Amino acid sequence: MFADLKVKLFADGADLAGMKEMYANPIIKGFTTNPTLMRKAGVQDYKVFAQDVLEAIPDRPVSFEVFADDFDEMERQALEISSWGRNVSVKIPVTNTKKQFAGPLITRLSEAGVALNVTAVMSLGQVESITACVASETPAIISVFAGRIADTGRDPMPLMAEAVRIMEAKPNAELIWASPRELLNIFQADAVGCHIITATNDILKKLSLIGKDLEERSLETVQMFYRDANAAKYTIRTGAAI
């Protein structure tokens, strides 16, 4: 079933051992990370971590993010990060913390040939603005956080489908379905024409469940409840007061 999907699967994380594990799986076509994931994983030295990742993953796309809030410093960091490897994309947030659009920086970097991954995107207006800024000849990614959109009670699928249509103006630009919440999102991303979906290892480890017999899955769940109740040594005494 998975072999029929057109969407490319990227692994999202900052645990080097986990990234190496996913690299061993040919289904995984690329990698993304961000400062929050890196901090959670205990990364102390940004550049050393990135160099370790690129040594382990030399031939698939890897996205590393700038962490400045000033656009001039973002640009300096982006140029440095881009120099680390031919397979590197530089993640630029769609705005800084002051809600200032990163458009002029996106244009400068894209026109300079820097492969970008514009991140934290959540509206079609943002997709339109970013698409207008990226150079036609330079590869670019727009990461729309569909999972976070869903967290607000909105169905992300119509928005993602429209984002695909908008981005047709720049054939070298690809749309990522970012922050998925469940394995089903892979099939939803494929259905609307997303080019890429990036998922954490917790979700990717469920790939073996694709197409699993539901009654077998039901039995496994019953067995889990029974096993855990026994392990906890729960008892209910007959006639005991509640």
C-alpha atoms as a PDB file:
ATOM      1  CA  MET A   1       0.000   0.000   0.000  1.00  0.00           C
ATOM      2  CA  PHE A   2       2.770   2.459   0.903  1.00  0.00           C
ATOM      3  CA  ALA A   3       4.605   1.743  -2.364  1.00  0.00           C
ATOM      4  CA  ASP A   4       1.674   3.278  -4.270  1.00  0.00           C
ATOM      5  CA  LEU A   5       2.046   6.671  -2.588  1.00  0.00           C
ATOM      6  CA  LYS A   6       3.640   9.566  -4.455  1.00  0.00           C
ATOM      7  CA  VAL A   7       4.333  11.699  -1.372  1.00  0.00           C
ATOM      8  CA  LYS A   8       7.932  11.583  -0.129  1.00  0.00           C
ATOM      9  CA  LEU A   9       8.454  10.682   3.513  1.00  0.00           C
ATOM     10  CA  PHE A  10      10.940  12.745   5.570  1.00  0.00           C
ATOM     11  CA  ALA A  11      11.952  11.998   9.168  1.00  0.00           C
ATOM     12  CA  ASP A  12      11.676  14.856  11.667  1.00  0.00           C
ATOM     13  CA  GLY A  13      13.899  14.761  14.745  1.00  0.00           C
ATOM     14  CA  ALA A  14      17.223  15.564  16.353  1.00  0.00           C
ATOM     15  CA  ASP A  15      18.259  12.300  17.964  1.00  0.00           C
ATOM     16  CA  LEU A  16      21.307  11.190  15.977  1.00  0.00           C
ATOM     17  CA  ALA A  17      20.800   7.500  16.722  1.00  0.00           C
ATOM     18  CA  GLY A  18      17.180   7.739  15.619  1.00  0.00           C
ATOM     19  CA  MET A  19      18.165   9.599  12.461  1.00  0.00           C
ATOM     20  CA  LYS A  20      20.683   6.888  11.603  1.00  0.00           C
ATOM     21  CA  GLU A  21      18.012   4.262  12.185  1.00  0.00           C
ATOM     22  CA  MET A  22      15.675   6.042   9.765  1.00  0.00           C
ATOM     23  CA  TYR A  23      18.483   6.540   7.230  1.00  0.00           C
ATOM     24  CA  ALA A  24      18.791   2.748   7.043  1.00  0.00           C
ATOM     25  CA  ASN A  25      15.200   2.633   5.771  1.00  0.00           C
ATOM     26  CA  PRO A  26      15.066   3.413   2.017  1.00  0.00           C
ATOM     27  CA  ILE A  27      11.483   4.645   2.409  1.00  0.00           C
ATOM     28  CA  ILE A  28      12.825   7.733   4.209  1.00  0.00           C
ATOM     29  CA  LYS A  29      13.818  10.237   1.519  1.00  0.00           C
ATOM     30  CA  GLY A  30      15.014  13.146   3.675  1.00  0.00           C
ATOM     31  CA  PHE A  31      15.324  14.677   7.134  1.00  0.00           C
ATOM     32  CA  THR A  32      14.207  17.809   8.964  1.00  0.00           C
ATOM     33  CA  THR A  33      14.988  19.195  12.391  1.00  0.00           C
ATOM     34  CA  ASN A  34      14.518  22.421  14.358  1.00  0.00           C
ATOM     35  CA  PRO A  35      15.929  24.127  17.471  1.00  0.00           C
ATOM     36  CA  THR A  36      13.105  22.849  19.692  1.00  0.00           C
ATOM     37  CA  LEU A  37      13.751  19.233  18.732  1.00  0.00           C
ATOM     38  CA  MET A  38      17.497  19.764  19.124  1.00  0.00           C
ATOM     39  CA  ARG A  39      17.091  21.200  22.620  1.00  0.00           C
ATOM     40  CA  LYS A  40      14.779  18.334  23.572  1.00  0.00           C
ATOM     41  CA  ALA A  41      17.413  15.861  22.324  1.00  0.00           C
ATOM     42  CA  GLY A  42      20.108  17.532  24.421  1.00  0.00           C
ATOM     43  CA  VAL A  43      22.148  18.949  21.541  1.00  0.00           C
ATOM     44  CA  GLN A  44      24.801  21.275  22.958  1.00  0.00           C
ATOM     45  CA  ASP A  45      26.796  22.385  19.899  1.00  0.00           C
ATOM     46  CA  TYR A  46      24.686  23.185  16.839  1.00  0.00           C
ATOM     47  CA  LYS A  47      27.435  22.935  14.217  1.00  0.00           C
ATOM     48  CA  VAL A  48      29.016  19.786  15.638  1.00  0.00           C
ATOM     49  CA  PHE A  49      25.599  18.123  15.670  1.00  0.00           C
ATOM     50  CA  ALA A  50      24.948  19.177  12.067  1.00  0.00           C
ATOM     51  CA  GLN A  51      28.338  17.883  10.936  1.00  0.00           C
ATOM     52  CA  ASP A  52      27.673  14.547  12.651  1.00  0.00           C
ATOM     53  CA  VAL A  53      24.288  14.328  10.918  1.00  0.00           C
ATOM     54  CA  LEU A  54      25.748  15.140   7.506  1.00  0.00           C
ATOM     55  CA  GLU A  55      28.523  12.608   7.946  1.00  0.00           C
ATOM     56  CA  ALA A  56      25.889   9.964   8.698  1.00  0.00           C
ATOM     57  CA  ILE A  57      23.459  11.222   6.017  1.00  0.00           C
ATOM     58  CA  PRO A  58      25.534  12.453   3.063  1.00  0.00           C
ATOM     59  CA  ASP A  59      23.142  11.806   0.195  1.00  0.00           C
ATOM     60  CA  ARG A  60      19.593  12.736   1.239  1.00  0.00           C
ATOM     61  CA  PRO A  61      18.143  16.212   1.885  1.00  0.00           C
ATOM     62  CA  VAL A  62      18.571  17.551   5.425  1.00  0.00           C
ATOM     63  CA  SER A  63      17.013  20.794   6.690  1.00  0.00           C
ATOM     64  CA  PHE A  64      18.673  22.828   9.459  1.00  0.00           C
ATOM     65  CA  GLU A  65      17.066  25.981  10.848  1.00  0.00           C
ATOM     66  CA  VAL A  66      18.438  29.432  11.603  1.00  0.00           C
ATOM     67  CA  PHE A  67      17.748  30.618  15.138  1.00  0.00           C
ATOM     68  CA  ALA A  68      18.233  34.397  14.992  1.00  0.00           C
ATOM     69  CA  ASP A  69      15.362  36.895  15.154  1.00  0.00           C
ATOM     70  CA  ASP A  70      17.138  39.695  13.286  1.00  0.00           C
ATOM     71  CA  PHE A  71      17.006  39.253   9.523  1.00  0.00           C
ATOM     72  CA  ASP A  72      20.631  40.290   8.945  1.00  0.00           C
ATOM     73  CA  GLU A  73      21.792  37.676  11.441  1.00  0.00           C
ATOM     74  CA  MET A  74      19.390  35.135   9.928  1.00  0.00           C
ATOM     75  CA  GLU A  75      21.055  35.766   6.567  1.00  0.00           C
ATOM     76  CA  ARG A  76      24.540  35.286   7.997  1.00  0.00           C
ATOM     77  CA  GLN A  77      23.481  32.039   9.669  1.00  0.00           C
ATOM     78  CA  ALA A  78      21.701  30.838   6.533  1.00  0.00           C
ATOM     79  CA  LEU A  79      24.771  31.316   4.346  1.00  0.00           C
ATOM     80  CA  GLU A  80      26.929  29.483   6.896  1.00  0.00           C
ATOM     81  CA  ILE A  81      24.468  26.587   7.246  1.00  0.00           C
ATOM     82  CA  SER A  82      24.117  26.314   3.468  1.00  0.00           C
ATOM     83  CA  SER A  83      27.905  25.882   3.161  1.00  0.00           C
ATOM     84  CA  TRP A  84      27.865  22.723   5.301  1.00  0.00           C
ATOM     85  CA  GLY A  85      26.758  20.407   2.501  1.00  0.00           C
ATOM     86  CA  ARG A  86      25.234  20.132  -0.965  1.00  0.00           C
ATOM     87  CA  ASN A  87      22.264  18.245   0.511  1.00  0.00           C
ATOM     88  CA  VAL A  88      21.449  21.001   3.046  1.00  0.00           C
ATOM     89  CA  SER A  89      18.318  23.121   2.964  1.00  0.00           C
ATOM     90  CA  VAL A  90      18.140  26.128   5.268  1.00  0.00           C
ATOM     91  CA  LYS A  91      14.976  26.573   7.309  1.00  0.00           C
ATOM     92  CA  ILE A  92      13.820  30.176   7.535  1.00  0.00           C
ATOM     93  CA  PRO A  93      10.755  31.044   9.643  1.00  0.00           C
ATOM     94  CA  VAL A  94       8.016  32.770   7.666  1.00  0.00           C
ATOM     95  CA  THR A  95       8.186  35.700  10.114  1.00  0.00           C
ATOM     96  CA  ASN A  96      10.364  36.720  13.021  1.00  0.00           C
ATOM     97  CA  THR A  97       8.954  36.984  16.543  1.00  0.00           C
ATOM     98  CA  LYS A  98       7.744  40.515  15.772  1.00  0.00           C
ATOM     99  CA  LYS A  99       5.510  39.114  12.985  1.00  0.00           C
ATOM    100  CA  GLN A 100       7.650  40.763  10.306  1.00  0.00           C
ATOM    101  CA  PHE A 101       7.488  38.789   7.067  1.00  0.00           C
ATOM    102  CA  ALA A 102      10.806  37.249   6.005  1.00  0.00           C
ATOM    103  CA  GLY A 103      10.046  37.862   2.317  1.00  0.00           C
ATOM    104  CA  PRO A 104      12.989  40.114   1.407  1.00  0.00           C
ATOM    105  CA  LEU A 105      15.411  37.674   3.058  1.00  0.00           C
ATOM    106  CA  ILE A 106      13.775  34.721   1.305  1.00  0.00           C
ATOM    107  CA  THR A 107      14.188  36.521  -2.032  1.00  0.00           C
ATOM    108  CA  ARG A 108      17.856  37.374  -1.456  1.00  0.00           C
ATOM    109  CA  LEU A 109      18.810  33.881  -0.358  1.00  0.00           C
ATOM    110  CA  SER A 110      16.785  32.111  -3.035  1.00  0.00           C
ATOM    111  CA  GLU A 111      18.191  34.327  -5.783  1.00  0.00           C
ATOM    112  CA  ALA A 112      21.671  33.546  -4.427  1.00  0.00           C
ATOM    113  CA  GLY A 113      20.986  29.851  -4.984  1.00  0.00           C
ATOM    114  CA  VAL A 114      20.404  28.866  -1.345  1.00  0.00           C
ATOM    115  CA  ALA A 115      17.964  25.955  -1.032  1.00  0.00           C
ATOM    116  CA  LEU A 116      15.375  27.087   1.498  1.00  0.00           C
ATOM    117  CA  ASN A 117      12.759  25.439   3.679  1.00  0.00           C
ATOM    118  CA  VAL A 118      10.393  28.201   4.777  1.00  0.00           C
ATOM    119  CA  THR A 119       8.838  26.973   7.999  1.00  0.00           C
ATOM    120  CA  ALA A 120       6.048  27.623  10.539  1.00  0.00           C
ATOM    121  CA  VAL A 121       3.626  28.445   7.711  1.00  0.00           C
ATOM    122  CA  MET A 122      -0.097  28.145   8.483  1.00  0.00           C
ATOM    123  CA  SER A 123      -2.118  30.332   6.115  1.00  0.00           C
ATOM    124  CA  LEU A 124      -2.728  30.483   2.375  1.00  0.00           C
ATOM    125  CA  GLY A 125      -1.759  34.145   2.423  1.00  0.00           C
ATOM    126  CA  GLN A 126       1.653  33.130   3.696  1.00  0.00           C
ATOM    127  CA  VAL A 127       1.945  30.424   1.019  1.00  0.00           C
ATOM    128  CA  GLU A 128       1.125  32.963  -1.695  1.00  0.00           C
ATOM    129  CA  SER A 129       3.665  35.477  -0.381  1.00  0.00           C
ATOM    130  CA  ILE A 130       6.452  32.895  -0.055  1.00  0.00           C
ATOM    131  CA  THR A 131       5.767  31.452  -3.505  1.00  0.00           C
ATOM    132  CA  ALA A 132       6.124  34.925  -4.983  1.00  0.00           C
ATOM    133  CA  CYS A 133       9.485  35.386  -3.219  1.00  0.00           C
ATOM    134  CA  VAL A 134      11.330  32.185  -4.132  1.00  0.00           C
ATOM    135  CA  ALA A 135      13.391  32.127  -7.306  1.00  0.00           C
ATOM    136  CA  SER A 136      12.025  29.970 -10.103  1.00  0.00           C
ATOM    137  CA  GLU A 137      15.334  28.194 -10.682  1.00  0.00           C
ATOM    138  CA  THR A 138      16.224  27.474  -7.036  1.00  0.00           C
ATOM    139  CA  PRO A 139      14.833  24.464  -5.132  1.00  0.00           C
ATOM    140  CA  ALA A 140      12.632  25.504  -2.217  1.00  0.00           C
ATOM    141  CA  ILE A 141      10.325  23.921   0.321  1.00  0.00           C
ATOM    142  CA  ILE A 142       7.333  25.474   2.039  1.00  0.00           C
ATOM    143  CA  SER A 143       6.478  23.738   5.322  1.00  0.00           C
ATOM    144  CA  VAL A 144       2.806  24.169   6.195  1.00  0.00           C
ATOM    145  CA  PHE A 145       2.076  22.947   9.718  1.00  0.00           C
ATOM    146  CA  ALA A 146      -1.068  20.998   8.904  1.00  0.00           C
ATOM    147  CA  GLY A 147      -1.095  19.300  12.313  1.00  0.00           C
ATOM    148  CA  ARG A 148      -1.117  22.611  14.130  1.00  0.00           C
ATOM    149  CA  ILE A 149      -3.860  23.842  11.818  1.00  0.00           C
ATOM    150  CA  ALA A 150      -5.899  20.765  12.770  1.00  0.00           C
ATOM    151  CA  ASP A 151      -5.254  21.544  16.440  1.00  0.00           C
ATOM    152  CA  THR A 152      -7.349  24.709  15.965  1.00  0.00           C
ATOM    153  CA  GLY A 153     -10.370  22.669  14.860  1.00  0.00           C
ATOM    154  CA  ARG A 154      -9.856  23.320  11.135  1.00  0.00           C
ATOM    155  CA  ASP A 155      -9.625  20.625   8.475  1.00  0.00           C
ATOM    156  CA  PRO A 156      -6.186  21.157   6.888  1.00  0.00           C
ATOM    157  CA  MET A 157      -6.894  19.156   3.723  1.00  0.00           C
ATOM    158  CA  PRO A 158      -8.646  21.901   1.691  1.00  0.00           C
ATOM    159  CA  LEU A 159      -5.948  24.377   2.690  1.00  0.00           C
ATOM    160  CA  MET A 160      -3.163  21.977   1.736  1.00  0.00           C
ATOM    161  CA  ALA A 161      -4.807  21.199  -1.617  1.00  0.00           C
ATOM    162  CA  GLU A 162      -5.023  24.920  -2.377  1.00  0.00           C
ATOM    163  CA  ALA A 163      -1.398  25.402  -1.310  1.00  0.00           C
ATOM    164  CA  VAL A 164      -0.367  22.776  -3.872  1.00  0.00           C
ATOM    165  CA  ARG A 165      -2.257  24.722  -6.545  1.00  0.00           C
ATOM    166  CA  ILE A 166      -0.682  28.051  -5.570  1.00  0.00           C
ATOM    167  CA  MET A 167       2.806  26.596  -5.648  1.00  0.00           C
ATOM    168  CA  GLU A 168       2.415  25.336  -9.214  1.00  0.00           C
ATOM    169  CA  ALA A 169       3.696  28.798 -10.191  1.00  0.00           C
ATOM    170  CA  LYS A 170       7.141  27.694  -8.995  1.00  0.00           C
ATOM    171  CA  PRO A 171       7.800  24.126 -10.246  1.00  0.00           C
ATOM    172  CA  ASN A 172      11.013  23.837  -8.187  1.00  0.00           C
ATOM    173  CA  ALA A 173       9.113  24.490  -4.951  1.00  0.00           C
ATOM    174  CA  GLU A 174       7.749  21.583  -2.895  1.00  0.00           C
ATOM    175  CA  LEU A 175       5.082  21.559  -0.194  1.00  0.00           C
ATOM    176  CA  ILE A 176       5.651  19.764   3.115  1.00  0.00           C
ATOM    177  CA  TRP A 177       2.768  18.556   5.277  1.00  0.00           C
ATOM    178  CA  ALA A 178       4.437  19.346   8.598  1.00  0.00           C
ATOM    179  CA  SER A 179       3.570  18.397  12.196  1.00  0.00           C
ATOM    180  CA  PRO A 180       1.423  15.346  11.392  1.00  0.00           C
ATOM    181  CA  ARG A 181      -0.465  13.819  14.303  1.00  0.00           C
ATOM    182  CA  GLU A 182      -1.089  10.273  13.016  1.00  0.00           C
ATOM    183  CA  LEU A 183      -0.131   7.831  10.288  1.00  0.00           C
ATOM    184  CA  LEU A 184      -3.363   8.604   8.426  1.00  0.00           C
ATOM    185  CA  ASN A 185      -1.932  12.046   7.623  1.00  0.00           C
ATOM    186  CA  ILE A 186       0.541  10.401   5.203  1.00  0.00           C
ATOM    187  CA  PHE A 187      -2.356   9.207   3.063  1.00  0.00           C
ATOM    188  CA  GLN A 188      -4.151  12.538   3.399  1.00  0.00           C
ATOM    189  CA  ALA A 189      -1.023  14.391   2.273  1.00  0.00           C
ATOM    190  CA  ASP A 190      -0.731  12.089  -0.715  1.00  0.00           C
ATOM    191  CA  ALA A 191      -4.407  12.540  -1.591  1.00  0.00           C
ATOM    192  CA  VAL A 192      -4.120  16.334  -1.876  1.00  0.00           C
ATOM    193  CA  GLY A 193      -0.853  16.210  -3.842  1.00  0.00           C
ATOM    194  CA  CYS A 194       1.648  17.242  -1.174  1.00  0.00           C
ATOM    195  CA  HIS A 195       5.188  16.579  -2.316  1.00  0.00           C
ATOM    196  CA  ILE A 196       6.559  15.700   1.140  1.00  0.00           C
ATOM    197  CA  ILE A 197       5.350  14.831   4.622  1.00  0.00           C
ATOM    198  CA  THR A 198       7.756  15.007   7.549  1.00  0.00           C
ATOM    199  CA  ALA A 199       7.036  12.924  10.653  1.00  0.00           C
ATOM    200  CA  THR A 200       8.670  12.105  13.961  1.00  0.00           C
ATOM    201  CA  ASN A 201      10.054   8.652  14.714  1.00  0.00           C
ATOM    202  CA  ASP A 202       7.053   7.918  16.964  1.00  0.00           C
ATOM    203  CA  ILE A 203       4.797   8.123  13.910  1.00  0.00           C
ATOM    204  CA  LEU A 204       7.259   6.507  11.500  1.00  0.00           C
ATOM    205  CA  LYS A 205       7.586   3.464  13.747  1.00  0.00           C
ATOM    206  CA  LYS A 206       3.906   2.760  13.053  1.00  0.00           C
ATOM    207  CA  LEU A 207       4.572   2.177   9.342  1.00  0.00           C
ATOM    208  CA  SER A 208       4.417  -1.582   9.933  1.00  0.00           C
ATOM    209  CA  LEU A 209       0.734  -1.153  10.881  1.00  0.00           C
ATOM    210  CA  ILE A 210      -0.270  -0.020   7.388  1.00  0.00           C
ATOM    211  CA  GLY A 211      -2.927  -2.410   6.078  1.00  0.00           C
ATOM    212  CA  LYS A 212      -2.957  -4.481   9.249  1.00  0.00           C
ATOM    213  CA  ASP A 213      -6.041  -6.663   9.793  1.00  0.00           C
ATOM    214  CA  LEU A 214      -8.348  -4.710  12.122  1.00  0.00           C
ATOM    215  CA  GLU A 215      -9.633  -7.735  14.036  1.00  0.00           C
ATOM    216  CA  GLU A 216      -6.032  -8.788  14.690  1.00  0.00           C
ATOM    217  CA  ARG A 217      -5.345  -5.243  15.879  1.00  0.00           C
ATOM    218  CA  SER A 218      -8.421  -5.514  18.119  1.00  0.00           C
ATOM    219  CA  LEU A 219      -7.119  -8.741  19.670  1.00  0.00           C
ATOM    220  CA  GLU A 220      -3.713  -7.162  20.311  1.00  0.00           C
ATOM    221  CA  THR A 221      -5.443  -4.315  22.145  1.00  0.00           C
ATOM    222  CA  VAL A 222      -7.451  -6.708  24.326  1.00  0.00           C
ATOM    223  CA  GLN A 223      -4.249  -8.615  25.112  1.00  0.00           C
ATOM    224  CA  MET A 224      -2.524  -5.351  26.061  1.00  0.00           C
ATOM    225  CA  PHE A 225      -5.287  -4.425  28.517  1.00  0.00           C
ATOM    226  CA  TYR A 226      -5.211  -7.907  30.043  1.00  0.00           C
ATOM    227  CA  ARG A 227      -1.418  -7.963  30.308  1.00  0.00           C
ATOM    228  CA  ASP A 228      -1.238  -4.526  31.933  1.00  0.00           C
ATOM    229  CA  ALA A 229      -4.009  -5.318  34.427  1.00  0.00           C
ATOM    230  CA  ASN A 230      -2.139  -8.448  35.494  1.00  0.00           C
ATOM    231  CA  ALA A 231       1.151  -6.580  35.702  1.00  0.00           C
ATOM    232  CA  ALA A 232      -0.514  -4.011  37.972  1.00  0.00           C
ATOM    233  CA  LYS A 233      -1.983  -6.861  40.091  1.00  0.00           C
ATOM    234  CA  TYR A 234      -5.412  -5.236  40.115  1.00  0.00           C
ATOM    235  CA  THR A 235      -8.147  -7.033  42.110  1.00  0.00           C
ATOM    236  CA  ILE A 236     -11.777  -6.329  42.847  1.00  0.00           C
ATOM    237  CA  ARG A 237     -13.038  -7.846  46.118  1.00  0.00           C
ATOM    238  CA  THR A 238     -16.569  -9.128  45.971  1.00  0.00           C
ATOM    239  CA  GLY A 239     -18.924  -7.100  48.152  1.00  0.00           C
ATOM    240  CA  ALA A 240     -16.310  -4.458  48.923  1.00  0.00           C
ATOM    241  CA  ALA A 241     -17.649  -0.975  49.566  1.00  0.00           C
ATOM    242  CA  ILE A 242     -17.108   1.550  46.805  1.00  0.00           C
END
